[in-house]
Protein backbone atom coordinates (compact mmCIF):
# COMPACT_ATOMS: atom_id res chain seq x y z
CA MET A 1 -7.13 -15.40 5.91
CA ILE A 2 -4.38 -12.79 6.12
CA ASN A 3 -0.85 -14.16 5.76
CA ILE A 4 1.92 -12.31 7.59
CA ALA A 5 5.72 -12.64 7.60
CA ILE A 6 8.10 -11.28 10.23
CA VAL A 7 11.69 -10.75 9.07
CA GLU A 8 13.59 -10.02 12.28
CA ASP A 9 16.90 -11.36 13.62
CA ASN A 10 16.25 -10.35 17.24
CA LYS A 11 14.25 -13.15 18.85
CA ILE A 12 12.84 -10.90 21.56
CA ASP A 13 11.50 -8.44 18.99
CA SER A 14 10.17 -11.16 16.67
CA GLY A 15 8.49 -12.81 19.65
CA ALA A 16 6.84 -9.54 20.64
CA LEU A 17 5.63 -8.95 17.08
CA SER A 18 4.22 -12.46 16.86
CA GLU A 19 2.50 -12.07 20.24
CA PHE A 20 0.97 -8.72 19.26
CA ILE A 21 -0.22 -10.08 15.91
CA THR A 22 -1.87 -13.04 17.61
CA LYS A 23 -3.59 -10.80 20.16
CA PHE A 24 -4.82 -8.41 17.47
CA PHE A 25 -6.38 -11.10 15.29
CA HIS A 26 -7.86 -13.02 18.19
CA ASP A 27 -9.48 -9.84 19.50
CA ALA A 28 -10.74 -9.01 16.00
CA GLU A 29 -11.95 -12.59 15.48
CA LYS A 30 -10.16 -12.80 12.13
CA THR A 31 -8.14 -15.68 10.73
CA PHE A 32 -4.42 -15.27 10.10
CA SER A 33 -1.09 -17.03 9.76
CA VAL A 34 2.34 -15.76 10.76
CA LYS A 35 5.82 -16.99 9.82
CA ILE A 36 9.10 -15.74 11.32
CA TYR A 37 12.35 -15.45 9.35
CA GLY A 38 15.67 -14.69 11.02
CA ASN A 39 17.15 -12.99 7.98
CA ALA A 40 16.08 -11.52 4.64
CA VAL A 41 18.02 -14.00 2.50
CA GLU A 42 15.99 -16.92 3.86
CA PHE A 43 12.77 -14.99 3.33
CA LEU A 44 13.60 -14.09 -0.27
CA GLU A 45 14.65 -17.62 -1.16
CA ARG A 46 11.19 -18.91 -0.29
CA LYS A 47 9.34 -16.33 -2.46
CA LEU A 48 6.07 -17.09 -0.73
CA LYS A 49 3.02 -14.86 -1.10
CA TYR A 50 2.23 -12.74 1.96
CA ASP A 51 -0.29 -9.97 2.57
CA ILE A 52 1.86 -8.13 5.14
CA VAL A 53 5.60 -8.22 5.85
CA PHE A 54 7.08 -6.72 9.01
CA MET A 55 10.65 -6.04 7.92
CA ASP A 56 13.48 -5.13 10.28
CA ILE A 57 15.77 -2.62 8.57
CA GLU A 58 19.02 -3.62 10.29
CA LEU A 59 19.47 -7.28 9.38
CA PRO A 60 22.51 -9.52 8.91
CA MET A 61 23.58 -10.54 5.37
CA MET A 62 21.14 -8.13 3.69
CA THR A 63 19.44 -4.99 5.01
CA GLY A 64 15.68 -4.78 5.16
CA MET A 65 15.70 -1.91 2.66
CA ASP A 66 17.67 -3.95 0.10
CA ALA A 67 15.41 -6.93 0.72
CA SER A 68 12.33 -4.76 0.15
CA ARG A 69 13.71 -3.63 -3.21
CA ARG A 70 14.03 -7.30 -4.15
CA ILE A 71 10.49 -8.00 -2.97
CA ARG A 72 9.09 -5.30 -5.22
CA GLN A 73 10.59 -7.04 -8.23
CA TYR A 74 8.10 -9.89 -7.86
CA ASP A 75 5.37 -8.59 -5.54
CA LYS A 76 3.96 -5.09 -6.05
CA ASP A 77 1.02 -5.50 -3.66
CA VAL A 78 2.40 -6.87 -0.39
CA ILE A 79 2.18 -4.37 2.47
CA ILE A 80 5.66 -3.69 3.88
CA ILE A 81 5.92 -2.26 7.39
CA PHE A 82 9.45 -1.47 8.54
CA VAL A 83 10.58 -2.25 12.07
CA THR A 84 13.50 -0.09 13.22
CA ASN A 85 15.37 1.43 16.15
CA MET A 86 15.71 4.74 14.33
CA ALA A 87 12.73 6.28 12.57
CA GLN A 88 14.84 8.25 10.09
CA PHE A 89 15.93 4.99 8.44
CA ALA A 90 12.33 4.22 7.57
CA LEU A 91 11.85 7.55 5.78
CA GLU A 92 13.49 6.00 2.73
CA GLY A 93 10.55 3.64 2.55
CA TYR A 94 8.86 5.57 -0.25
CA GLU A 95 11.43 3.98 -2.59
CA VAL A 96 9.77 0.62 -2.06
CA ASN A 97 6.24 1.92 -1.41
CA ALA A 98 6.44 1.00 2.27
CA PHE A 99 3.10 1.27 4.07
CA ASP A 100 4.38 2.41 7.47
CA PHE A 101 7.03 1.77 10.11
CA VAL A 102 7.15 0.65 13.74
CA VAL A 103 9.80 2.03 16.09
CA LYS A 104 11.40 -0.18 18.74
CA PRO A 105 10.77 -0.77 21.57
CA ILE A 106 7.41 -1.93 20.24
CA THR A 107 4.25 -1.12 22.19
CA TYR A 108 1.00 -2.91 21.52
CA TYR A 109 -1.21 0.16 21.09
CA ASN A 110 0.98 1.83 18.48
CA PHE A 111 1.52 -1.49 16.72
CA SER A 112 -2.19 -2.38 16.67
CA VAL A 113 -3.13 0.98 15.11
CA LYS A 114 -0.74 0.41 12.20
CA LEU A 115 -1.74 -3.23 11.77
CA ASN A 116 -5.43 -2.28 11.79
CA ARG A 117 -4.83 0.24 8.98
CA ALA A 118 -3.07 -2.43 6.93
CA VAL A 119 -5.85 -4.96 7.47
CA GLU A 120 -8.52 -2.39 6.55
CA LEU A 121 -6.68 -1.65 3.30
CA ILE A 122 -6.47 -5.35 2.43
CA GLU A 123 -10.16 -5.82 3.15
CA ARG A 124 -11.17 -2.72 1.17
CA ASN A 125 -9.30 -3.86 -1.90
CA ALA A 126 -10.21 -7.53 -1.69
CA GLY A 127 -12.55 -8.46 -4.51
CA ILE A 128 -12.81 -4.94 -5.96
CA LYS A 129 -12.34 -5.22 -9.71
CA ILE A 130 -12.83 -2.66 -12.45
CA GLU A 131 -14.08 -3.54 -15.92
CA ALA A 132 -11.83 -1.94 -18.57
CA ARG A 133 -13.32 -2.03 -22.07
CA THR A 134 -10.54 -1.80 -24.68
CA LYS A 135 -10.21 -2.37 -28.42
CA ALA A 136 -8.63 -5.74 -27.66
CA GLY A 137 -11.49 -6.81 -25.39
CA THR A 138 -12.63 -6.44 -21.80
CA PHE A 139 -10.14 -6.69 -18.94
CA TYR A 140 -10.80 -6.88 -15.21
CA LEU A 141 -8.31 -4.88 -13.12
CA ASN A 142 -7.68 -5.26 -9.41
CA ALA A 143 -8.26 -1.97 -7.57
CA SER A 144 -5.00 -2.43 -5.68
CA ASP A 145 -3.02 -2.50 -8.95
CA ILE A 146 -4.27 0.84 -10.31
CA LEU A 147 -2.09 3.87 -9.53
CA TYR A 148 -4.53 6.37 -11.03
CA VAL A 149 -7.22 6.70 -13.66
CA GLU A 150 -6.99 9.45 -16.28
CA ILE A 151 -9.85 10.84 -18.35
CA ALA A 152 -9.41 12.66 -21.67
CA ASP A 153 -12.38 13.36 -23.94
CA HIS A 154 -14.39 10.12 -23.70
CA SER A 155 -11.43 7.82 -23.07
CA LEU A 156 -10.14 6.35 -19.82
CA THR A 157 -6.50 5.46 -19.25
CA TYR A 158 -5.70 3.09 -16.40
CA HIS A 159 -2.18 3.60 -15.11
CA VAL A 160 -1.54 0.28 -13.42
CA VAL A 161 1.57 -1.26 -11.88
CA GLY A 162 3.88 -1.93 -14.82
CA ASP A 163 1.43 -1.02 -17.58
CA VAL A 164 -0.90 1.58 -19.12
CA ILE A 165 -4.30 0.48 -20.46
CA ALA A 166 -6.42 2.66 -22.74
CA ALA A 167 -10.16 2.04 -22.46
CA THR A 168 -13.53 3.61 -23.13
CA GLY A 169 -15.94 4.81 -20.49
CA HIS A 170 -16.64 7.65 -18.07
CA LEU A 171 -14.75 8.62 -14.94
CA TYR A 172 -17.90 8.66 -12.80
CA GLU A 173 -18.43 4.97 -13.58
CA VAL A 174 -15.18 3.93 -11.94
CA GLU A 175 -15.22 6.66 -9.30
CA SER A 176 -18.32 5.22 -7.66
CA ALA A 177 -16.63 1.81 -7.45
CA LEU A 178 -13.24 3.05 -6.25
CA CYS A 179 -14.15 5.83 -3.82
CA SER A 180 -14.35 3.34 -0.93
CA ALA A 181 -10.95 1.81 -1.79
CA GLY A 182 -8.71 4.77 -1.00
CA TYR A 183 -9.15 6.79 -4.23
CA PHE A 184 -9.75 10.53 -4.58
CA LYS A 185 -9.76 13.07 -7.43
CA CYS A 186 -6.96 15.66 -7.49
CA ASN A 187 -8.65 17.37 -10.44
CA ARG A 188 -11.40 16.48 -12.88
CA CYS A 189 -8.95 14.47 -15.02
CA TYR A 190 -7.34 12.20 -12.41
CA LEU A 191 -8.71 9.72 -9.89
CA VAL A 192 -5.76 8.83 -7.65
CA ASN A 193 -5.05 5.71 -5.57
CA MET A 194 -3.70 7.13 -2.29
CA LYS A 195 -1.68 3.96 -1.83
CA TYR A 196 0.71 5.13 -4.55
CA VAL A 197 1.07 8.79 -3.56
CA ARG A 198 4.71 9.43 -2.65
CA SER A 199 4.36 13.10 -1.71
CA VAL A 200 2.56 16.35 -2.45
CA SER A 201 4.34 19.64 -3.09
CA ASP A 202 2.64 22.90 -4.05
CA ASN A 203 0.10 21.88 -6.73
CA THR A 204 1.73 18.60 -7.72
CA VAL A 205 1.10 15.01 -6.64
CA PHE A 206 4.22 12.85 -6.94
CA MET A 207 3.35 9.20 -7.57
CA THR A 208 5.57 6.26 -6.61
CA ASN A 209 6.17 5.42 -10.29
CA GLY A 210 7.58 8.90 -10.94
CA ASP A 211 4.48 10.43 -12.56
CA LYS A 212 3.51 13.96 -11.56
CA LEU A 213 -0.16 14.95 -11.45
CA GLN A 214 -1.51 18.47 -11.09
CA ILE A 215 -3.95 19.35 -8.30
CA SER A 216 -6.61 21.86 -9.24
CA ARG A 217 -6.84 24.85 -6.91
CA ASN A 218 -10.39 24.10 -5.84
CA ARG A 219 -9.58 20.41 -5.14
CA LYS A 220 -6.32 20.84 -3.22
CA LYS A 221 -7.76 21.26 0.28
CA LEU A 222 -10.13 18.31 -0.15
CA PHE A 223 -7.40 16.15 -1.66
CA LEU A 224 -4.96 16.86 1.19
CA GLU A 225 -7.69 16.13 3.74
CA ALA A 226 -8.48 12.83 1.99
CA LEU A 227 -4.79 11.92 1.89
CA ALA A 228 -4.40 12.69 5.59
CA ASP A 229 -7.52 10.67 6.35
CA TYR A 230 -6.16 7.73 4.35
CA THR A 231 -2.73 7.95 5.97
CA CYS A 232 -4.30 7.99 9.43
CA GLY A 233 -6.47 5.00 8.66
CA GLY A 234 -9.65 6.54 7.32
CA SER A 235 -11.56 5.35 4.30
CA GLY A 236 -10.02 7.89 1.93
CA GLY A 237 -13.28 7.97 -0.01
CA ALA A 238 -14.40 10.88 -2.19
């Protein structure tokens, strides 16, 4: 079941979001739950685990952007989709790794496309775990927590949310497992989780944690195509 929160002070807009969510999941024959909060303070006080949060940016007491920064302190994985009257406000979303944004007035088609992308991402990452063999033992990492995998000599380094894990192995071993979960190589040394790509400029990939990865000349076109495919709802596979 996919758990969804709506943080929206306008009852007409929250009602429309709830109605669209219900229609989407009924049509898709998938199970879901949805909870509506009238402000961000109430939502944050509960600290419940959600898969998707539709967050209005202009909220009383605390803005949706400030609330999203708070969310990221305790939940790195939840998909945040901003709801706003003005699209330029949502462009700051990279600061909190926002997934997308919905512009009011909300229409079902546009909304359903974005929700479908979010659901596909959740389903792709569900249950995908990578075995990391380290000197301290074997760890199992969630695919959704890995920003990118780095290979040097015969060692793998997993750059995960809040940590770096050195392990042994070969890149092709993890590439075959992660290619269907939104990962793609920007060069022969890096396998990148598109979820954490903030931007691309010239031959550099800027990750949401501040890391900068180089794109090889012969991989750039393929990488940009994979990123566009991922952003538009494709598989993002290599």
